[in-house]
Amino acid sequence: MDRALRGAQAHKRGHLAEYIALVHLMMKGYRILGFRLKMPQGEIDILAQKGTQLAMVEVKQRRSHEEAIETVSAIQQERLWQAGLALQEKKPRLRKLDLVIDLYTLVLQLRIMSDFSMGCSGNDLMAPSPS
């Protein structure tokens, strides 16, 4: 598989992970204030509020939660923090909220089943019906 195709597939998986996180956060009572917000400091995947917390949620989809956690560098964390502060500066109603950075990790596993069985043999399926 060539690099461009792998990149496109990763991009699609990333978008799927963001949508899954978005729905899950709403189900957990978060109010979504923004999605894929482009800021000079960087992109905020999800901006959400719950109570007095203003959460900047970074969504990472990887093969394991540990791998996802390792991908968020200190530089990226600082950019997210600066983006949140800039948002609070622009939007006075956000200033009273406590700013937090949350990492939402998602492990998507695709399993391909090569043999499907319903607990019966082929002979059971082919048995003649009683007359």
N, C-alpha and C. Protein backbone atom coordinates (compact mmCIF):
# COMPACT_ATOMS: atom_id res chain seq x y z
N MET A 1 0.84 -1.17 0.00
CA MET A 1 0.00 0.00 0.00
C MET A 1 0.90 1.24 0.00
N ASP A 2 0.59 2.18 -0.87
CA ASP A 2 1.46 3.35 -0.95
C ASP A 2 1.18 4.34 0.17
N ARG A 3 2.11 5.23 0.36
CA ARG A 3 2.07 6.16 1.48
C ARG A 3 0.85 7.08 1.44
N ALA A 4 0.48 7.56 0.26
CA ALA A 4 -0.66 8.47 0.13
C ALA A 4 -1.96 7.77 0.54
N LEU A 5 -2.12 6.53 0.16
CA LEU A 5 -3.31 5.78 0.51
C LEU A 5 -3.37 5.53 2.02
N ARG A 6 -2.23 5.15 2.60
CA ARG A 6 -2.18 4.94 4.06
C ARG A 6 -2.53 6.23 4.80
N GLY A 7 -2.02 7.35 4.29
CA GLY A 7 -2.31 8.65 4.91
C GLY A 7 -3.79 8.99 4.83
N ALA A 8 -4.40 8.73 3.69
CA ALA A 8 -5.83 9.01 3.51
C ALA A 8 -6.67 8.13 4.44
N GLN A 9 -6.28 6.87 4.59
CA GLN A 9 -7.01 5.97 5.47
C GLN A 9 -6.86 6.40 6.94
N ALA A 10 -5.68 6.82 7.32
CA ALA A 10 -5.45 7.30 8.68
C ALA A 10 -6.27 8.55 8.96
N HIS A 11 -6.37 9.41 7.97
CA HIS A 11 -7.16 10.63 8.10
C HIS A 11 -8.63 10.28 8.33
N LYS A 12 -9.15 9.32 7.58
CA LYS A 12 -10.54 8.88 7.74
C LYS A 12 -10.76 8.27 9.12
N ARG A 13 -9.81 7.44 9.57
CA ARG A 13 -9.94 6.84 10.91
C ARG A 13 -9.93 7.92 11.99
N GLY A 14 -9.10 8.94 11.78
CA GLY A 14 -9.04 10.04 12.74
C GLY A 14 -10.37 10.79 12.82
N HIS A 15 -10.99 11.03 11.67
CA HIS A 15 -12.29 11.70 11.65
C HIS A 15 -13.35 10.84 12.32
N LEU A 16 -13.33 9.54 12.06
CA LEU A 16 -14.27 8.63 12.71
C LEU A 16 -14.09 8.67 14.22
N ALA A 17 -12.87 8.64 14.69
CA ALA A 17 -12.59 8.69 16.12
C ALA A 17 -13.12 10.00 16.72
N GLU A 18 -12.96 11.11 16.01
CA GLU A 18 -13.47 12.39 16.52
C GLU A 18 -14.99 12.37 16.65
N TYR A 19 -15.67 11.79 15.66
CA TYR A 19 -17.13 11.71 15.74
C TYR A 19 -17.58 10.79 16.88
N ILE A 20 -16.89 9.69 17.07
CA ILE A 20 -17.22 8.78 18.18
C ILE A 20 -17.03 9.51 19.51
N ALA A 21 -15.92 10.21 19.66
CA ALA A 21 -15.67 10.96 20.88
C ALA A 21 -16.73 12.03 21.10
N LEU A 22 -17.11 12.72 20.04
CA LEU A 22 -18.11 13.77 20.12
C LEU A 22 -19.44 13.22 20.65
N VAL A 23 -19.90 12.13 20.09
CA VAL A 23 -21.16 11.53 20.52
C VAL A 23 -21.05 11.03 21.96
N HIS A 24 -19.93 10.39 22.28
CA HIS A 24 -19.75 9.87 23.64
C HIS A 24 -19.74 10.99 24.67
N LEU A 25 -19.06 12.07 24.37
CA LEU A 25 -19.03 13.20 25.30
C LEU A 25 -20.43 13.80 25.50
N MET A 26 -21.19 13.90 24.43
CA MET A 26 -22.57 14.41 24.56
C MET A 26 -23.39 13.48 25.44
N MET A 27 -23.21 12.18 25.26
CA MET A 27 -23.94 11.21 26.08
C MET A 27 -23.54 11.29 27.56
N LYS A 28 -22.32 11.74 27.81
CA LYS A 28 -21.82 11.88 29.18
C LYS A 28 -22.19 13.23 29.80
N GLY A 29 -22.95 14.05 29.05
CA GLY A 29 -23.44 15.30 29.61
C GLY A 29 -22.63 16.54 29.25
N TYR A 30 -21.66 16.40 28.35
CA TYR A 30 -20.88 17.56 27.92
C TYR A 30 -21.68 18.36 26.90
N ARG A 31 -21.54 19.66 26.98
CA ARG A 31 -22.12 20.55 25.97
C ARG A 31 -21.01 20.87 24.98
N ILE A 32 -21.22 20.56 23.72
CA ILE A 32 -20.20 20.77 22.70
C ILE A 32 -20.27 22.22 22.23
N LEU A 33 -19.16 22.92 22.38
CA LEU A 33 -19.08 24.33 21.99
C LEU A 33 -18.36 24.52 20.67
N GLY A 34 -17.56 23.55 20.27
CA GLY A 34 -16.83 23.66 19.02
C GLY A 34 -16.26 22.32 18.60
N PHE A 35 -16.04 22.21 17.31
CA PHE A 35 -15.54 20.96 16.74
C PHE A 35 -14.54 21.32 15.65
N ARG A 36 -13.34 20.78 15.76
CA ARG A 36 -12.25 21.05 14.81
C ARG A 36 -12.01 22.56 14.64
N LEU A 37 -11.81 23.20 15.76
CA LEU A 37 -11.59 24.65 15.74
C LEU A 37 -10.16 24.97 15.32
N LYS A 38 -10.03 25.74 14.29
CA LYS A 38 -8.71 26.16 13.81
C LYS A 38 -8.32 27.45 14.53
N MET A 39 -7.20 27.40 15.20
CA MET A 39 -6.68 28.55 15.93
C MET A 39 -5.24 28.78 15.45
N PRO A 40 -4.73 29.98 15.59
CA PRO A 40 -3.32 30.20 15.22
C PRO A 40 -2.36 29.29 15.99
N GLN A 41 -2.73 28.93 17.21
CA GLN A 41 -1.87 28.09 18.05
C GLN A 41 -1.98 26.61 17.69
N GLY A 42 -3.04 26.23 16.98
CA GLY A 42 -3.25 24.83 16.62
C GLY A 42 -4.73 24.51 16.57
N GLU A 43 -5.04 23.28 16.22
CA GLU A 43 -6.45 22.86 16.12
C GLU A 43 -6.92 22.23 17.42
N ILE A 44 -8.12 22.62 17.82
CA ILE A 44 -8.78 21.99 18.97
C ILE A 44 -9.78 21.01 18.39
N ASP A 45 -9.59 19.72 18.67
CA ASP A 45 -10.49 18.71 18.11
C ASP A 45 -11.92 18.93 18.58
N ILE A 46 -12.10 19.03 19.90
CA ILE A 46 -13.43 19.24 20.48
C ILE A 46 -13.29 20.24 21.63
N LEU A 47 -14.15 21.23 21.63
CA LEU A 47 -14.26 22.17 22.75
C LEU A 47 -15.59 21.87 23.43
N ALA A 48 -15.53 21.51 24.70
CA ALA A 48 -16.74 21.08 25.40
C ALA A 48 -16.78 21.67 26.80
N GLN A 49 -18.00 21.81 27.31
CA GLN A 49 -18.19 22.32 28.66
C GLN A 49 -19.02 21.34 29.46
N LYS A 50 -18.59 21.12 30.68
CA LYS A 50 -19.38 20.36 31.65
C LYS A 50 -19.22 21.04 32.99
N GLY A 51 -20.30 21.56 33.48
CA GLY A 51 -20.23 22.32 34.73
C GLY A 51 -19.39 23.56 34.53
N THR A 52 -18.40 23.73 35.38
CA THR A 52 -17.53 24.91 35.29
C THR A 52 -16.24 24.63 34.52
N GLN A 53 -16.15 23.44 33.92
CA GLN A 53 -14.94 23.09 33.17
C GLN A 53 -15.10 23.36 31.69
N LEU A 54 -14.10 23.98 31.11
CA LEU A 54 -13.99 24.17 29.67
C LEU A 54 -12.90 23.21 29.20
N ALA A 55 -13.33 22.14 28.53
CA ALA A 55 -12.39 21.09 28.13
C ALA A 55 -12.01 21.24 26.67
N MET A 56 -10.72 21.28 26.45
CA MET A 56 -10.17 21.19 25.10
C MET A 56 -9.76 19.74 24.94
N VAL A 57 -10.50 19.03 24.11
CA VAL A 57 -10.34 17.58 24.01
C VAL A 57 -9.53 17.26 22.76
N GLU A 58 -8.41 16.61 22.98
CA GLU A 58 -7.57 16.11 21.89
C GLU A 58 -7.93 14.64 21.70
N VAL A 59 -8.29 14.27 20.48
CA VAL A 59 -8.71 12.89 20.20
C VAL A 59 -7.59 12.19 19.46
N LYS A 60 -7.22 11.02 19.97
CA LYS A 60 -6.18 10.20 19.34
C LYS A 60 -6.68 8.77 19.19
N GLN A 61 -6.56 8.25 17.98
CA GLN A 61 -6.91 6.87 17.71
C GLN A 61 -5.63 6.15 17.31
N ARG A 62 -5.31 5.11 18.05
CA ARG A 62 -4.10 4.33 17.79
C ARG A 62 -4.37 2.86 18.07
N ARG A 63 -3.33 2.05 17.95
CA ARG A 63 -3.47 0.61 18.21
C ARG A 63 -3.61 0.30 19.69
N SER A 64 -3.14 1.20 20.56
CA SER A 64 -3.28 1.02 22.00
C SER A 64 -3.43 2.39 22.65
N HIS A 65 -4.00 2.39 23.85
CA HIS A 65 -4.15 3.65 24.58
C HIS A 65 -2.77 4.24 24.92
N GLU A 66 -1.83 3.36 25.25
CA GLU A 66 -0.48 3.82 25.59
C GLU A 66 0.16 4.53 24.40
N GLU A 67 0.00 3.95 23.22
CA GLU A 67 0.56 4.57 22.02
C GLU A 67 -0.08 5.93 21.76
N ALA A 68 -1.39 6.03 22.00
CA ALA A 68 -2.09 7.30 21.80
C ALA A 68 -1.56 8.36 22.76
N ILE A 69 -1.37 7.99 24.00
CA ILE A 69 -0.88 8.93 25.02
C ILE A 69 0.51 9.44 24.65
N GLU A 70 1.36 8.54 24.16
CA GLU A 70 2.73 8.92 23.81
C GLU A 70 2.80 9.90 22.64
N THR A 71 1.76 9.98 21.83
CA THR A 71 1.81 10.85 20.65
C THR A 71 1.57 12.32 20.98
N VAL A 72 1.11 12.61 22.18
CA VAL A 72 0.83 14.00 22.55
C VAL A 72 2.06 14.57 23.27
N SER A 73 2.79 15.40 22.56
CA SER A 73 4.03 15.96 23.10
C SER A 73 3.75 17.14 24.04
N ALA A 74 4.75 17.51 24.79
CA ALA A 74 4.64 18.68 25.67
C ALA A 74 4.40 19.95 24.84
N ILE A 75 4.98 20.00 23.66
CA ILE A 75 4.78 21.15 22.77
C ILE A 75 3.32 21.23 22.34
N GLN A 76 2.74 20.09 21.98
CA GLN A 76 1.33 20.07 21.57
C GLN A 76 0.42 20.46 22.74
N GLN A 77 0.74 19.97 23.93
CA GLN A 77 -0.04 20.34 25.11
C GLN A 77 0.01 21.85 25.34
N GLU A 78 1.18 22.43 25.20
CA GLU A 78 1.33 23.88 25.39
C GLU A 78 0.55 24.65 24.33
N ARG A 79 0.57 24.17 23.08
CA ARG A 79 -0.21 24.83 22.02
C ARG A 79 -1.70 24.78 22.32
N LEU A 80 -2.17 23.62 22.79
CA LEU A 80 -3.58 23.51 23.16
C LEU A 80 -3.94 24.46 24.28
N TRP A 81 -3.07 24.54 25.27
CA TRP A 81 -3.29 25.44 26.40
C TRP A 81 -3.37 26.89 25.91
N GLN A 82 -2.43 27.28 25.06
CA GLN A 82 -2.42 28.65 24.53
C GLN A 82 -3.67 28.92 23.67
N ALA A 83 -4.11 27.93 22.92
CA ALA A 83 -5.32 28.08 22.12
C ALA A 83 -6.54 28.28 23.04
N GLY A 84 -6.59 27.55 24.12
CA GLY A 84 -7.68 27.70 25.08
C GLY A 84 -7.68 29.07 25.73
N LEU A 85 -6.50 29.54 26.10
CA LEU A 85 -6.40 30.89 26.69
C LEU A 85 -6.83 31.95 25.70
N ALA A 86 -6.44 31.77 24.43
CA ALA A 86 -6.83 32.73 23.40
C ALA A 86 -8.35 32.73 23.21
N LEU A 87 -8.97 31.56 23.26
CA LEU A 87 -10.42 31.48 23.15
C LEU A 87 -11.10 32.19 24.31
N GLN A 88 -10.58 31.98 25.50
CA GLN A 88 -11.15 32.65 26.67
C GLN A 88 -11.00 34.17 26.56
N GLU A 89 -9.91 34.61 25.97
CA GLU A 89 -9.69 36.04 25.79
C GLU A 89 -10.70 36.61 24.79
N LYS A 90 -10.99 35.87 23.72
CA LYS A 90 -11.92 36.33 22.68
C LYS A 90 -13.38 36.27 23.12
N LYS A 91 -13.71 35.28 23.92
CA LYS A 91 -15.10 35.03 24.30
C LYS A 91 -15.27 35.25 25.81
N PRO A 92 -15.75 36.41 26.21
CA PRO A 92 -15.86 36.72 27.64
C PRO A 92 -16.66 35.70 28.45
N ARG A 93 -17.67 35.07 27.85
CA ARG A 93 -18.47 34.10 28.62
C ARG A 93 -17.68 32.84 28.98
N LEU A 94 -16.55 32.61 28.29
CA LEU A 94 -15.71 31.43 28.58
C LEU A 94 -14.70 31.71 29.69
N ARG A 95 -14.48 32.98 30.01
CA ARG A 95 -13.44 33.34 30.98
C ARG A 95 -13.68 32.78 32.37
N LYS A 96 -14.95 32.66 32.74
CA LYS A 96 -15.26 32.19 34.10
C LYS A 96 -15.10 30.68 34.27
N LEU A 97 -14.86 29.97 33.17
CA LEU A 97 -14.73 28.51 33.22
C LEU A 97 -13.29 28.09 33.47
N ASP A 98 -13.13 26.97 34.14
CA ASP A 98 -11.81 26.40 34.41
C ASP A 98 -11.32 25.64 33.18
N LEU A 99 -10.20 26.06 32.66
CA LEU A 99 -9.64 25.49 31.44
C LEU A 99 -8.91 24.18 31.75
N VAL A 100 -9.24 23.12 31.00
CA VAL A 100 -8.56 21.83 31.14
C VAL A 100 -8.27 21.27 29.76
N ILE A 101 -7.22 20.47 29.68
CA ILE A 101 -6.92 19.72 28.46
C ILE A 101 -7.21 18.26 28.75
N ASP A 102 -8.06 17.67 27.93
CA ASP A 102 -8.39 16.25 28.09
C ASP A 102 -7.93 15.50 26.85
N LEU A 103 -7.46 14.30 27.07
CA LEU A 103 -7.06 13.43 25.98
C LEU A 103 -8.07 12.29 25.91
N TYR A 104 -8.70 12.15 24.75
CA TYR A 104 -9.65 11.07 24.52
C TYR A 104 -8.96 10.07 23.60
N THR A 105 -8.67 8.91 24.14
CA THR A 105 -7.99 7.89 23.32
C THR A 105 -9.00 6.83 22.91
N LEU A 106 -8.81 6.35 21.70
CA LEU A 106 -9.73 5.38 21.15
C LEU A 106 -8.92 4.32 20.41
N VAL A 107 -9.23 3.07 20.73
CA VAL A 107 -8.59 1.95 20.06
C VAL A 107 -9.65 1.26 19.22
N LEU A 108 -9.50 1.37 17.90
CA LEU A 108 -10.42 0.72 16.98
C LEU A 108 -9.76 -0.54 16.47
N GLN A 109 -10.44 -1.64 16.59
CA GLN A 109 -9.88 -2.90 16.12
C GLN A 109 -10.80 -3.49 15.08
N LEU A 110 -10.24 -3.82 13.96
CA LEU A 110 -10.98 -4.47 12.89
C LEU A 110 -10.59 -5.94 12.89
N ARG A 111 -11.57 -6.79 13.06
CA ARG A 111 -11.30 -8.22 13.06
C ARG A 111 -12.00 -8.84 11.86
N ILE A 112 -11.25 -9.53 11.07
CA ILE A 112 -11.81 -10.20 9.91
C ILE A 112 -11.98 -11.67 10.26
N MET A 113 -13.19 -12.13 10.16
CA MET A 113 -13.48 -13.52 10.48
C MET A 113 -13.43 -14.33 9.19
N SER A 114 -12.55 -15.30 9.15
CA SER A 114 -12.42 -16.11 7.94
C SER A 114 -13.35 -17.33 7.97
N ASP A 115 -13.81 -17.69 9.15
CA ASP A 115 -14.68 -18.86 9.26
C ASP A 115 -15.81 -18.51 10.22
N PHE A 116 -17.01 -18.52 9.73
CA PHE A 116 -18.16 -18.17 10.55
C PHE A 116 -18.97 -19.43 10.81
N SER A 117 -19.27 -19.68 12.06
CA SER A 117 -20.03 -20.88 12.41
C SER A 117 -21.14 -20.49 13.37
N MET A 118 -22.31 -21.05 13.17
CA MET A 118 -23.43 -20.78 14.06
C MET A 118 -23.62 -21.93 15.05
N GLY A 119 -22.62 -22.72 15.23
CA GLY A 119 -22.71 -23.81 16.19
C GLY A 119 -23.34 -25.07 15.60
N CYS A 120 -23.42 -25.14 14.30
CA CYS A 120 -23.96 -26.35 13.69
C CYS A 120 -23.06 -26.72 12.50
N SER A 121 -23.10 -27.95 12.13
CA SER A 121 -22.27 -28.39 11.01
C SER A 121 -23.04 -28.21 9.72
N GLY A 122 -22.33 -28.32 8.62
CA GLY A 122 -22.97 -28.22 7.32
C GLY A 122 -24.03 -29.28 7.13
N ASN A 123 -23.81 -30.47 7.73
CA ASN A 123 -24.80 -31.55 7.61
C ASN A 123 -26.12 -31.17 8.26
N ASP A 124 -26.04 -30.43 9.40
CA ASP A 124 -27.25 -30.00 10.09
C ASP A 124 -28.07 -29.08 9.19
N LEU A 125 -27.39 -28.25 8.41
CA LEU A 125 -28.09 -27.30 7.56
C LEU A 125 -28.74 -28.00 6.36
N MET A 126 -28.20 -29.12 5.96
CA MET A 126 -28.67 -29.80 4.78
C MET A 126 -29.63 -30.95 5.10
N ALA A 127 -29.95 -31.15 6.35
CA ALA A 127 -30.79 -32.28 6.72
C ALA A 127 -32.17 -32.11 6.11
N PRO A 128 -32.75 -33.20 5.62
CA PRO A 128 -34.08 -33.10 5.03
C PRO A 128 -35.11 -32.79 6.10
N SER A 129 -36.11 -32.07 5.72
CA SER A 129 -37.16 -31.73 6.66
C SER A 129 -38.04 -32.97 6.89
N PRO A 130 -38.52 -33.11 8.12
CA PRO A 130 -39.37 -34.29 8.40
C PRO A 130 -40.67 -34.21 7.58
N SER A 131 -41.14 -35.37 7.10
CA SER A 131 -42.37 -35.38 6.31
C SER A 131 -43.56 -35.73 7.15
